[in-house]
Amino acid sequence: MHYQGFHVQVFEKVHNFGRLGDSLGLGENALRLLQRWGLHDRLIEIGNKSEMMQIRRWKDGKILAQQPLMDMAGYIGHRGDYHEEFLRRVGELGIGIKMGSNVRKLCSRMSKMLMKYR
């Protein structure tokens, strides 16, 4: 929406972003969209492209199963690293983020949107 000329503001329920989760696969279609957002090259640097998916035992790392990815996952990286890059890009574009905002109501009118949040 920012690139279409709209004023954009992000409302986030959590008070602080944390490094949560595990790996995330970004496929080729997603990466094409993210290229338009100016994120493609950096996300490629973060992720890695593997020909095989491996499922390992948490305790000792032993490979329990393995299968070819066949370009389904594209690039795989930690979601926390991807999240940091999204936030960096939002900041570069001057898009504000209101942390700790619980959106309670959203009303759409012809010329604007009104929100109630705490």
C-alpha atoms as a PDB file:
ATOM      1  CA  MET A   1       0.000   0.000   0.000  1.00  0.00           C
ATOM      2  CA  HIS A   2       2.911   2.333   0.725  1.00  0.00           C
ATOM      3  CA  TYR A   3       4.115   1.989  -2.856  1.00  0.00           C
ATOM      4  CA  GLN A   4       0.638   2.887  -4.110  1.00  0.00           C
ATOM      5  CA  GLY A   5       0.796   6.225  -2.293  1.00  0.00           C
ATOM      6  CA  PHE A   6      -1.172   5.343   0.842  1.00  0.00           C
ATOM      7  CA  HIS A   7      -0.110   6.495   4.307  1.00  0.00           C
ATOM      8  CA  VAL A   8       0.659   3.255   6.149  1.00  0.00           C
ATOM      9  CA  GLN A   9       0.938   2.627   9.869  1.00  0.00           C
ATOM     10  CA  VAL A  10       1.504  -0.777  11.495  1.00  0.00           C
ATOM     11  CA  PHE A  11      -0.314  -1.628  14.733  1.00  0.00           C
ATOM     12  CA  GLU A  12       1.284  -4.517  16.625  1.00  0.00           C
ATOM     13  CA  LYS A  13      -0.208  -6.174  19.680  1.00  0.00           C
ATOM     14  CA  VAL A  14       3.070  -7.245  21.298  1.00  0.00           C
ATOM     15  CA  HIS A  15       5.136  -4.657  23.182  1.00  0.00           C
ATOM     16  CA  ASN A  16       8.505  -5.891  21.856  1.00  0.00           C
ATOM     17  CA  PHE A  17       9.522  -8.090  18.976  1.00  0.00           C
ATOM     18  CA  GLY A  18      11.429 -11.166  20.081  1.00  0.00           C
ATOM     19  CA  ARG A  19      13.414 -13.757  18.208  1.00  0.00           C
ATOM     20  CA  LEU A  20      10.803 -16.500  18.125  1.00  0.00           C
ATOM     21  CA  GLY A  21      10.284 -19.602  16.087  1.00  0.00           C
ATOM     22  CA  ASP A  22      12.398 -21.634  13.799  1.00  0.00           C
ATOM     23  CA  SER A  23      13.233 -21.713  10.127  1.00  0.00           C
ATOM     24  CA  LEU A  24      10.987 -20.385   7.402  1.00  0.00           C
ATOM     25  CA  GLY A  25      11.063 -21.251   3.710  1.00  0.00           C
ATOM     26  CA  LEU A  26      10.543 -18.455   1.183  1.00  0.00           C
ATOM     27  CA  GLY A  27       9.530 -19.775  -2.223  1.00  0.00           C
ATOM     28  CA  GLU A  28      10.302 -18.194  -5.564  1.00  0.00           C
ATOM     29  CA  ASN A  29       6.874 -16.504  -5.826  1.00  0.00           C
ATOM     30  CA  ALA A  30       7.280 -14.879  -2.418  1.00  0.00           C
ATOM     31  CA  LEU A  31      10.796 -13.733  -3.308  1.00  0.00           C
ATOM     32  CA  ARG A  32       9.518 -12.079  -6.511  1.00  0.00           C
ATOM     33  CA  LEU A  33       7.051 -10.043  -4.443  1.00  0.00           C
ATOM     34  CA  LEU A  34       9.719  -9.203  -1.867  1.00  0.00           C
ATOM     35  CA  GLN A  35      11.974  -7.966  -4.674  1.00  0.00           C
ATOM     36  CA  ARG A  36       9.389  -5.239  -5.376  1.00  0.00           C
ATOM     37  CA  TRP A  37       9.607  -4.320  -1.674  1.00  0.00           C
ATOM     38  CA  GLY A  38      13.403  -4.013  -1.853  1.00  0.00           C
ATOM     39  CA  LEU A  39      14.042  -7.083   0.317  1.00  0.00           C
ATOM     40  CA  HIS A  40      15.002  -9.825  -2.149  1.00  0.00           C
ATOM     41  CA  ASP A  41      18.798  -9.554  -2.103  1.00  0.00           C
ATOM     42  CA  ARG A  42      19.111  -9.286   1.675  1.00  0.00           C
ATOM     43  CA  LEU A  43      16.734 -12.211   2.284  1.00  0.00           C
ATOM     44  CA  ILE A  44      18.749 -14.325  -0.155  1.00  0.00           C
ATOM     45  CA  GLU A  45      21.883 -13.511   1.889  1.00  0.00           C
ATOM     46  CA  ILE A  46      20.143 -14.587   5.109  1.00  0.00           C
ATOM     47  CA  GLY A  47      18.707 -17.827   3.785  1.00  0.00           C
ATOM     48  CA  ASN A  48      20.288 -20.833   2.216  1.00  0.00           C
ATOM     49  CA  LYS A  49      19.147 -22.987  -0.652  1.00  0.00           C
ATOM     50  CA  SER A  50      19.237 -26.673   0.003  1.00  0.00           C
ATOM     51  CA  GLU A  51      18.426 -29.486  -2.377  1.00  0.00           C
ATOM     52  CA  MET A  52      17.327 -31.734   0.489  1.00  0.00           C
ATOM     53  CA  MET A  53      15.078 -31.309   3.505  1.00  0.00           C
ATOM     54  CA  GLN A  54      16.305 -33.128   6.588  1.00  0.00           C
ATOM     55  CA  ILE A  55      14.438 -33.968   9.746  1.00  0.00           C
ATOM     56  CA  ARG A  56      16.864 -34.434  12.632  1.00  0.00           C
ATOM     57  CA  ARG A  57      16.582 -35.667  16.175  1.00  0.00           C
ATOM     58  CA  TRP A  58      16.837 -32.717  18.554  1.00  0.00           C
ATOM     59  CA  LYS A  59      19.096 -34.483  21.040  1.00  0.00           C
ATOM     60  CA  ASP A  60      21.951 -35.622  18.824  1.00  0.00           C
ATOM     61  CA  GLY A  61      21.274 -34.234  15.340  1.00  0.00           C
ATOM     62  CA  LYS A  62      20.896 -37.687  13.778  1.00  0.00           C
ATOM     63  CA  ILE A  63      19.088 -37.508  10.416  1.00  0.00           C
ATOM     64  CA  LEU A  64      15.730 -39.281  10.772  1.00  0.00           C
ATOM     65  CA  ALA A  65      14.317 -38.515   7.323  1.00  0.00           C
ATOM     66  CA  GLN A  66      15.408 -36.769   4.163  1.00  0.00           C
ATOM     67  CA  GLN A  67      13.635 -35.781   0.950  1.00  0.00           C
ATOM     68  CA  PRO A  68      14.318 -33.535  -2.051  1.00  0.00           C
ATOM     69  CA  LEU A  69      12.883 -30.020  -1.886  1.00  0.00           C
ATOM     70  CA  MET A  70      12.372 -29.671  -5.650  1.00  0.00           C
ATOM     71  CA  ASP A  71      12.428 -25.835  -5.430  1.00  0.00           C
ATOM     72  CA  MET A  72       9.322 -25.857  -3.200  1.00  0.00           C
ATOM     73  CA  ALA A  73      10.872 -24.018  -0.258  1.00  0.00           C
ATOM     74  CA  GLY A  74      13.221 -21.729  -2.158  1.00  0.00           C
ATOM     75  CA  TYR A  75      15.455 -20.231   0.525  1.00  0.00           C
ATOM     76  CA  ILE A  76      15.351 -21.305   4.158  1.00  0.00           C
ATOM     77  CA  GLY A  77      16.429 -19.032   6.995  1.00  0.00           C
ATOM     78  CA  HIS A  78      15.549 -18.247  10.580  1.00  0.00           C
ATOM     79  CA  ARG A  79      12.259 -16.374  10.822  1.00  0.00           C
ATOM     80  CA  GLY A  80      13.825 -14.014  13.385  1.00  0.00           C
ATOM     81  CA  ASP A  81      16.430 -12.930  10.815  1.00  0.00           C
ATOM     82  CA  TYR A  82      13.759 -12.427   8.172  1.00  0.00           C
ATOM     83  CA  HIS A  83      11.647 -10.495  10.679  1.00  0.00           C
ATOM     84  CA  GLU A  84      14.574  -8.155  11.456  1.00  0.00           C
ATOM     85  CA  GLU A  85      14.960  -7.366   7.759  1.00  0.00           C
ATOM     86  CA  PHE A  86      11.240  -6.641   7.347  1.00  0.00           C
ATOM     87  CA  LEU A  87      11.398  -4.249  10.307  1.00  0.00           C
ATOM     88  CA  ARG A  88      14.558  -2.588   8.992  1.00  0.00           C
ATOM     89  CA  ARG A  89      12.873  -2.010   5.624  1.00  0.00           C
ATOM     90  CA  VAL A  90       9.707  -0.626   7.242  1.00  0.00           C
ATOM     91  CA  GLY A  91      11.901   1.849   9.136  1.00  0.00           C
ATOM     92  CA  GLU A  92      13.754   2.868   5.968  1.00  0.00           C
ATOM     93  CA  LEU A  93      10.422   3.663   4.329  1.00  0.00           C
ATOM     94  CA  GLY A  94       9.353   5.814   7.271  1.00  0.00           C
ATOM     95  CA  ILE A  95       6.403   3.577   8.126  1.00  0.00           C
ATOM     96  CA  GLY A  96       5.496   3.878  11.799  1.00  0.00           C
ATOM     97  CA  ILE A  97       4.914   0.911  14.085  1.00  0.00           C
ATOM     98  CA  LYS A  98       2.735   1.322  17.171  1.00  0.00           C
ATOM     99  CA  MET A  99       3.763  -1.412  19.581  1.00  0.00           C
ATOM    100  CA  GLY A 100       1.380  -2.717  22.247  1.00  0.00           C
ATOM    101  CA  SER A 101      -1.689  -1.756  20.210  1.00  0.00           C
ATOM    102  CA  ASN A 102      -4.717  -3.981  20.500  1.00  0.00           C
ATOM    103  CA  VAL A 103      -7.033  -3.095  17.606  1.00  0.00           C
ATOM    104  CA  ARG A 104     -10.594  -3.240  18.894  1.00  0.00           C
ATOM    105  CA  LYS A 105     -12.607  -1.814  16.005  1.00  0.00           C
ATOM    106  CA  LEU A 106     -12.019  -0.952  12.363  1.00  0.00           C
ATOM    107  CA  CYS A 107     -14.423   1.225  10.368  1.00  0.00           C
ATOM    108  CA  SER A 108     -13.963   1.842   6.675  1.00  0.00           C
ATOM    109  CA  ARG A 109     -15.354   4.956   5.027  1.00  0.00           C
ATOM    110  CA  MET A 110     -14.976   6.183   1.473  1.00  0.00           C
ATOM    111  CA  SER A 111     -11.921   8.343   2.119  1.00  0.00           C
ATOM    112  CA  LYS A 112     -10.337   6.921   5.283  1.00  0.00           C
ATOM    113  CA  MET A 113     -10.231   4.173   7.848  1.00  0.00           C
ATOM    114  CA  LEU A 114     -10.835   4.736  11.545  1.00  0.00           C
ATOM    115  CA  MET A 115      -9.451   2.455  14.247  1.00  0.00           C
ATOM    116  CA  LYS A 116      -9.912   2.172  17.962  1.00  0.00           C
ATOM    117  CA  TYR A 117      -6.998   0.665  19.801  1.00  0.00           C
ATOM    118  CA  ARG A 118      -5.456   0.803  23.219  1.00  0.00           C
END
